[in-house]
Amino acid sequence: MQTTMIPAAPARLQPRGWQQHWREAIRDPRELLSLLGLDGLAGVSDAAAAQFPLRVPRGFAARMRPGDPNDPLLRQVLPLDAELRLVPGFSLDAVGDAAARAGHGVIHKYAGRALLVATGSCAVHCRYCFRRHFPYAEQTAAAAGWRAALDTLRGDDSLQEVILSGGDPLSLATSKLAELTGALSAIPHVRRLRIHTRLPVVLPERVDDVLLAWLSALPWPVVVVLHANHANEFDAQVDAAIAALRTCGATLLNQAVLLRGVNDTVDAQAALHERGFAAGVLPYYLHQLDRVAGAAHFEVPDHEALALHAALRTRLPGYLLPRLVREVAGDGSKRPL
């Protein structure tokens, strides 16, 4: 059985508030490496950490394998020298968010739905994040009590679905989320709510009684899109958080990013989707890497991605096969590969 050097949380959601777990996150790469017995690991970059700071909840770090520099969870969060390389085709705005801004904190790319950049905060800083360079200070929907964002949504009756994203929307206090959804409920053409979040996976303590009460009381069908890239991200506490979300009637999906050295094998992908389904989550998208500056070392070439997906198709039942897609700036939907 795997052992860890960082004390893991018990299977039941902890009574301590999730904000305390947030505050206790690891922020120093050297502390993380020391806890894993990897002091002096080559390639770790202070300069990369200065550009995009490390943040890792201790419960997530507890799922990493001690002594393994290639641990798939560690690779997702550890700042490396490779991030500093300038690579042609990798840009600050890889998916065209700037051109798709419809109002303050509102991104409108696809018919019938709009995305609110609810916050710039996340419980974990993933090194491949496509919004790692996003100007959150200027473009957060929560500014001024959501007023500008709500005005944008009210003014377009084609928008039937609101997507809460960020950052991670569940990093906001539940009272702040309730303030937003109370205002959204007064917009008659809004019929669905979607929440894109990594917190139930990396900080499952966030799924507390207050959050569950808020979700249960929402007036629309709710889809919660989780983000896990590897089967090792699931443990008993994550399972408990997911089970609690399901009691609210939410539809739970998982989207993953195909990442070199993390989940770029058939075995890793099959294990991810099978483990997620065992916890109560259906696969949704497998994204080809968004070509954001600093993430080129994670890229898997298209021909390899297609071969991997074809092999998965013969191995998994159809309901466990995610759609392999890429987001292309200006397209009217995710582009299937």
Protein backbone atom coordinates (compact mmCIF):
# COMPACT_ATOMS: atom_id res chain seq x y z
CA MET A 1 0.00 0.00 0.00
CA GLN A 2 1.25 3.52 -0.84
CA THR A 3 2.49 5.55 2.11
CA THR A 4 2.80 9.30 2.29
CA MET A 5 5.04 11.70 4.14
CA ILE A 6 2.34 14.38 4.36
CA PRO A 7 -0.53 13.49 6.73
CA ALA A 8 -3.65 12.87 4.67
CA ALA A 9 -7.08 13.94 5.84
CA PRO A 10 -9.51 11.28 7.05
CA ALA A 11 -12.15 9.90 4.72
CA ARG A 12 -15.00 12.02 6.13
CA LEU A 13 -15.00 15.71 5.32
CA GLN A 14 -13.13 17.46 8.12
CA PRO A 15 -14.97 19.65 10.62
CA ARG A 16 -12.40 22.45 10.26
CA GLY A 17 -13.51 25.15 7.85
CA TRP A 18 -12.28 24.86 4.29
CA GLN A 19 -10.79 28.35 4.53
CA GLN A 20 -8.30 27.06 7.10
CA HIS A 21 -7.17 24.31 4.73
CA TRP A 22 -6.86 26.99 2.02
CA ARG A 23 -4.63 29.13 4.23
CA GLU A 24 -2.41 26.14 5.04
CA ALA A 25 -1.62 25.41 1.39
CA ILE A 26 2.03 24.83 0.45
CA ARG A 27 3.51 27.85 -1.33
CA ASP A 28 7.23 27.10 -1.27
CA PRO A 29 8.53 24.60 -3.85
CA ARG A 30 11.34 23.62 -1.48
CA GLU A 31 8.87 22.76 1.28
CA LEU A 32 6.90 20.57 -1.10
CA LEU A 33 10.02 18.77 -2.30
CA SER A 34 11.28 18.30 1.24
CA LEU A 35 7.98 16.75 2.30
CA LEU A 36 8.28 14.32 -0.61
CA GLY A 37 11.93 13.48 0.05
CA LEU A 38 13.04 15.18 -3.14
CA ASP A 39 15.36 17.90 -1.80
CA GLY A 40 17.67 19.29 -4.46
CA LEU A 41 15.60 18.07 -7.43
CA ALA A 42 17.08 19.50 -10.64
CA GLY A 43 15.11 21.77 -12.93
CA VAL A 44 12.98 23.46 -10.27
CA SER A 45 12.76 27.17 -11.04
CA ASP A 46 12.50 30.09 -8.64
CA ALA A 47 11.98 32.37 -11.63
CA ALA A 48 9.00 30.33 -12.84
CA ALA A 49 7.55 30.35 -9.32
CA ALA A 50 7.96 34.11 -9.19
CA GLN A 51 6.00 34.48 -12.43
CA PHE A 52 3.23 32.06 -11.39
CA PRO A 53 3.40 31.16 -7.70
CA LEU A 54 3.13 27.61 -6.44
CA ARG A 55 -0.01 26.79 -4.44
CA VAL A 56 -0.86 23.22 -3.41
CA PRO A 57 -3.36 22.11 -0.73
CA ARG A 58 -1.74 19.71 1.71
CA GLY A 59 -4.41 17.09 1.13
CA PHE A 60 -3.59 17.07 -2.58
CA ALA A 61 0.14 16.85 -1.84
CA ALA A 62 -0.58 13.85 0.41
CA ARG A 63 -1.66 11.92 -2.70
CA MET A 64 1.76 12.35 -4.30
CA ARG A 65 4.25 9.47 -4.20
CA PRO A 66 7.23 10.23 -1.95
CA GLY A 67 10.60 9.97 -3.66
CA ASP A 68 9.15 10.04 -7.18
CA PRO A 69 10.17 13.11 -9.20
CA ASN A 70 7.84 11.96 -11.99
CA ASP A 71 4.75 11.67 -9.82
CA PRO A 72 1.83 12.76 -12.07
CA LEU A 73 0.33 15.05 -9.43
CA LEU A 74 3.64 16.69 -8.62
CA ARG A 75 4.34 17.35 -12.30
CA GLN A 76 1.11 19.33 -12.58
CA VAL A 77 2.11 21.87 -9.93
CA LEU A 78 5.92 22.06 -9.70
CA PRO A 79 7.48 25.17 -11.33
CA LEU A 80 10.25 24.17 -13.71
CA ASP A 81 12.92 25.87 -15.81
CA ALA A 82 11.09 24.59 -18.90
CA GLU A 83 8.35 27.17 -18.31
CA LEU A 84 10.77 29.99 -19.09
CA ARG A 85 11.47 28.85 -22.66
CA LEU A 86 9.93 30.98 -25.39
CA VAL A 87 8.26 28.58 -27.82
CA PRO A 88 6.70 29.75 -31.10
CA GLY A 89 2.93 29.35 -31.15
CA PHE A 90 2.56 29.62 -27.36
CA SER A 91 0.98 32.91 -26.29
CA LEU A 92 -0.40 34.76 -23.28
CA ASP A 93 -4.01 34.33 -24.47
CA ALA A 94 -4.11 30.87 -25.99
CA VAL A 95 -7.89 30.57 -26.42
CA GLY A 96 -8.91 34.09 -27.43
CA ASP A 97 -10.53 35.15 -24.17
CA ALA A 98 -9.74 38.82 -24.76
CA ALA A 99 -11.55 38.94 -28.09
CA ALA A 100 -14.58 37.16 -26.63
CA ARG A 101 -15.21 39.57 -23.74
CA ALA A 102 -18.83 40.65 -23.91
CA GLY A 103 -18.77 42.78 -20.77
CA HIS A 104 -16.92 43.15 -17.51
CA GLY A 105 -16.11 39.60 -16.37
CA VAL A 106 -18.23 38.02 -19.11
CA ILE A 107 -16.81 35.86 -21.91
CA HIS A 108 -19.23 34.92 -24.71
CA LYS A 109 -17.83 32.46 -27.25
CA TYR A 110 -20.58 29.95 -27.94
CA ALA A 111 -24.26 30.27 -28.79
CA GLY A 112 -26.67 30.26 -25.88
CA ARG A 113 -24.16 30.38 -23.06
CA ALA A 114 -21.82 32.83 -21.43
CA LEU A 115 -19.01 32.40 -18.95
CA LEU A 116 -18.54 34.54 -15.85
CA VAL A 117 -14.98 34.94 -14.62
CA ALA A 118 -16.17 34.79 -11.02
CA THR A 119 -12.76 35.17 -9.40
CA GLY A 120 -9.05 34.90 -10.11
CA SER A 121 -8.41 32.67 -7.09
CA CYS A 122 -7.71 28.93 -7.20
CA ALA A 123 -6.84 26.45 -4.47
CA VAL A 124 -4.15 24.92 -6.69
CA HIS A 125 -2.00 26.52 -9.37
CA CYS A 126 -1.72 24.12 -12.28
CA ARG A 127 1.31 24.90 -14.40
CA TYR A 128 -0.57 24.31 -17.69
CA CYS A 129 -3.42 26.72 -16.77
CA PHE A 130 -4.62 28.49 -19.90
CA ARG A 131 -5.54 31.56 -17.84
CA ARG A 132 -2.23 31.84 -15.98
CA HIS A 133 -1.69 35.22 -17.68
CA PHE A 134 -5.31 36.43 -17.54
CA PRO A 135 -5.80 40.03 -16.23
CA TYR A 136 -8.03 39.02 -13.33
CA ALA A 137 -7.59 42.35 -11.55
CA GLU A 138 -9.33 44.04 -14.48
CA GLN A 139 -11.82 41.35 -15.53
CA THR A 140 -13.51 39.70 -12.55
CA ALA A 141 -17.30 39.52 -12.67
CA ALA A 142 -17.69 39.88 -8.90
CA ALA A 143 -16.48 43.48 -9.03
CA ALA A 144 -19.05 46.06 -7.87
CA GLY A 145 -21.51 43.41 -6.74
CA TRP A 146 -21.68 41.68 -10.13
CA ARG A 147 -23.55 44.69 -11.55
CA ALA A 148 -21.79 45.01 -14.92
CA ALA A 149 -21.80 41.25 -15.54
CA LEU A 150 -25.49 40.96 -14.70
CA ASP A 151 -26.33 43.88 -16.99
CA THR A 152 -24.56 42.07 -19.84
CA LEU A 153 -26.53 38.87 -19.22
CA ARG A 154 -29.85 40.69 -18.93
CA GLY A 155 -29.22 42.45 -22.20
CA ASP A 156 -28.90 39.26 -24.28
CA ASP A 157 -31.96 37.01 -24.15
CA SER A 158 -30.18 34.38 -26.28
CA LEU A 159 -28.16 33.39 -23.21
CA GLN A 160 -29.86 30.42 -21.57
CA GLU A 161 -26.89 29.02 -19.66
CA VAL A 162 -24.46 30.76 -17.31
CA ILE A 163 -21.09 29.12 -16.66
CA LEU A 164 -19.25 30.04 -13.46
CA SER A 165 -15.51 29.81 -14.00
CA GLY A 166 -12.36 31.66 -13.01
CA GLY A 167 -10.02 31.02 -11.32
CA ASP A 168 -12.30 28.68 -9.43
CA PRO A 169 -15.79 29.95 -8.53
CA LEU A 170 -15.96 27.74 -5.43
CA SER A 171 -13.05 29.71 -3.98
CA LEU A 172 -15.66 32.40 -3.27
CA ALA A 173 -17.58 32.32 -0.01
CA THR A 174 -20.93 30.60 -0.38
CA SER A 175 -22.66 33.83 0.66
CA LYS A 176 -21.04 35.54 -2.35
CA LEU A 177 -22.20 32.74 -4.65
CA ALA A 178 -25.71 33.02 -3.23
CA GLU A 179 -25.67 36.77 -3.91
CA LEU A 180 -24.88 36.05 -7.55
CA THR A 181 -27.39 33.25 -8.08
CA GLY A 182 -30.11 35.27 -6.34
CA ALA A 183 -29.60 38.00 -8.92
CA LEU A 184 -29.42 35.49 -11.79
CA SER A 185 -32.74 33.98 -10.73
CA ALA A 186 -34.42 37.26 -11.68
CA ILE A 187 -33.26 36.93 -15.32
CA PRO A 188 -36.04 34.92 -17.02
CA HIS A 189 -34.02 33.64 -19.98
CA VAL A 190 -31.37 31.95 -17.76
CA ARG A 191 -32.39 28.28 -17.59
CA ARG A 192 -29.25 26.39 -16.63
CA LEU A 193 -26.23 26.89 -14.41
CA ARG A 194 -22.86 25.28 -14.93
CA ILE A 195 -19.98 25.39 -12.45
CA HIS A 196 -16.41 24.62 -13.55
CA THR A 197 -14.41 23.74 -10.47
CA ARG A 198 -11.33 21.86 -9.33
CA LEU A 199 -11.92 22.41 -5.61
CA PRO A 200 -13.89 19.22 -4.84
CA VAL A 201 -10.84 17.31 -6.15
CA VAL A 202 -7.96 19.34 -4.71
CA LEU A 203 -9.71 20.74 -1.61
CA PRO A 204 -12.71 18.49 -0.91
CA GLU A 205 -13.29 20.25 2.43
CA ARG A 206 -14.94 22.99 0.34
CA VAL A 207 -17.98 20.74 -0.07
CA ASP A 208 -19.49 21.60 3.28
CA ASP A 209 -23.07 21.78 4.53
CA VAL A 210 -23.46 25.45 3.63
CA LEU A 211 -22.37 24.86 0.03
CA LEU A 212 -24.65 21.83 -0.29
CA ALA A 213 -27.63 23.80 1.03
CA TRP A 214 -26.97 26.54 -1.54
CA LEU A 215 -26.71 24.03 -4.40
CA SER A 216 -29.86 22.20 -3.33
CA ALA A 217 -31.88 25.41 -3.33
CA LEU A 218 -30.91 26.62 -6.82
CA PRO A 219 -33.88 27.02 -9.16
CA TRP A 220 -32.27 25.56 -12.29
CA PRO A 221 -30.71 22.28 -13.39
CA VAL A 222 -27.06 22.45 -12.32
CA VAL A 223 -24.05 20.84 -14.00
CA VAL A 224 -20.81 20.64 -12.03
CA VAL A 225 -17.80 20.08 -14.28
CA LEU A 226 -14.87 18.80 -12.23
CA HIS A 227 -11.25 18.74 -13.36
CA ALA A 228 -9.11 15.71 -12.58
CA ASN A 229 -6.26 14.60 -14.82
CA HIS A 230 -5.12 11.41 -13.13
CA ALA A 231 -6.71 8.58 -11.17
CA ASN A 232 -4.43 9.30 -8.21
CA GLU A 233 -6.25 12.59 -7.65
CA PHE A 234 -9.19 10.62 -6.24
CA ASP A 235 -9.20 9.36 -2.67
CA ALA A 236 -11.83 8.58 -0.04
CA GLN A 237 -12.31 12.22 0.88
CA VAL A 238 -12.78 13.27 -2.75
CA ASP A 239 -15.25 10.40 -3.15
CA ALA A 240 -17.19 11.72 -0.14
CA ALA A 241 -17.30 15.24 -1.60
CA ILE A 242 -18.54 13.93 -4.95
CA ALA A 243 -21.19 11.79 -3.28
CA ALA A 244 -22.38 14.83 -1.35
CA LEU A 245 -22.63 16.90 -4.56
CA ARG A 246 -24.72 14.17 -6.15
CA THR A 247 -27.24 14.36 -3.30
CA CYS A 248 -28.02 17.91 -4.47
CA GLY A 249 -29.19 16.60 -7.84
CA ALA A 250 -26.27 18.07 -9.77
CA THR A 251 -25.03 16.37 -12.93
CA LEU A 252 -21.31 15.67 -12.45
CA LEU A 253 -18.87 15.57 -15.36
CA ASN A 254 -15.09 15.56 -15.54
CA GLN A 255 -12.85 17.31 -18.00
CA ALA A 256 -9.15 16.57 -18.25
CA VAL A 257 -6.19 17.96 -20.15
CA LEU A 258 -3.87 15.61 -22.01
CA LEU A 259 -0.45 16.28 -20.46
CA ARG A 260 2.98 14.93 -21.39
CA GLY A 261 4.39 12.92 -18.49
CA VAL A 262 1.12 13.02 -16.53
CA ASN A 263 -1.62 11.09 -18.33
CA ASP A 264 -0.37 10.51 -21.88
CA THR A 265 -0.71 6.71 -21.86
CA VAL A 266 -3.70 4.47 -22.52
CA ASP A 267 -3.36 2.92 -19.07
CA ALA A 268 -3.37 6.30 -17.33
CA GLN A 269 -6.36 7.54 -19.30
CA ALA A 270 -8.37 4.36 -18.78
CA ALA A 271 -7.64 4.42 -15.05
CA LEU A 272 -8.70 8.07 -14.82
CA HIS A 273 -12.09 7.57 -16.44
CA GLU A 274 -12.80 4.30 -14.64
CA ARG A 275 -11.84 5.79 -11.27
CA GLY A 276 -13.90 8.89 -11.89
CA PHE A 277 -16.94 6.83 -12.80
CA ALA A 278 -16.50 4.75 -9.64
CA ALA A 279 -16.74 8.02 -7.71
CA GLY A 280 -19.85 9.10 -9.61
CA VAL A 281 -18.47 11.31 -12.40
CA LEU A 282 -18.83 10.80 -16.15
CA PRO A 283 -16.03 11.80 -18.57
CA TYR A 284 -16.79 14.91 -20.60
CA TYR A 285 -13.82 16.38 -22.49
CA LEU A 286 -10.20 15.37 -22.94
CA HIS A 287 -8.60 18.65 -24.00
CA GLN A 288 -5.55 18.98 -26.13
CA LEU A 289 -3.26 21.42 -24.34
CA ASP A 290 -4.12 25.08 -24.76
CA ARG A 291 -0.93 26.61 -26.09
CA VAL A 292 -0.34 29.08 -23.31
CA ALA A 293 3.14 30.50 -22.72
CA GLY A 294 4.97 28.45 -20.11
CA ALA A 295 3.24 25.13 -20.81
CA ALA A 296 4.94 23.86 -23.97
CA HIS A 297 6.69 21.01 -22.13
CA PHE A 298 3.27 19.44 -21.45
CA GLU A 299 2.23 19.25 -25.10
CA VAL A 300 1.35 15.91 -26.71
CA PRO A 301 1.39 15.99 -30.55
CA ASP A 302 -1.94 15.51 -32.28
CA HIS A 303 -0.97 12.22 -33.90
CA GLU A 304 -0.12 10.75 -30.51
CA ALA A 305 -3.33 12.11 -28.99
CA LEU A 306 -5.41 10.58 -31.78
CA ALA A 307 -3.70 7.20 -31.47
CA LEU A 308 -4.23 7.23 -27.71
CA HIS A 309 -7.91 8.12 -28.11
CA ALA A 310 -8.42 5.37 -30.70
CA ALA A 311 -6.89 2.84 -28.32
CA LEU A 312 -9.17 4.06 -25.53
CA ARG A 313 -12.18 3.59 -27.78
CA THR A 314 -11.44 -0.11 -28.08
CA ARG A 315 -10.76 -0.47 -24.35
CA LEU A 316 -13.57 1.49 -22.68
CA PRO A 317 -17.35 1.44 -23.04
CA GLY A 318 -18.67 4.44 -24.92
CA TYR A 319 -19.98 6.21 -21.84
CA LEU A 320 -16.44 6.26 -20.38
CA LEU A 321 -14.83 7.72 -23.51
CA PRO A 322 -14.30 11.50 -23.31
CA ARG A 323 -14.47 13.62 -26.42
CA LEU A 324 -11.00 14.60 -27.60
CA VAL A 325 -11.15 18.31 -28.41
CA ARG A 326 -9.17 21.47 -28.85
CA GLU A 327 -10.31 25.01 -28.16
CA VAL A 328 -9.52 27.27 -31.10
CA ALA A 329 -9.97 31.02 -30.79
CA GLY A 330 -12.92 32.18 -32.89
CA ASP A 331 -14.54 28.77 -33.33
CA GLY A 332 -18.22 28.40 -32.43
CA SER A 333 -17.59 25.28 -30.34
CA LYS A 334 -14.78 23.05 -29.11
CA ARG A 335 -13.13 21.49 -32.17
CA PRO A 336 -13.21 17.66 -32.22
CA LEU A 337 -9.96 15.94 -33.17
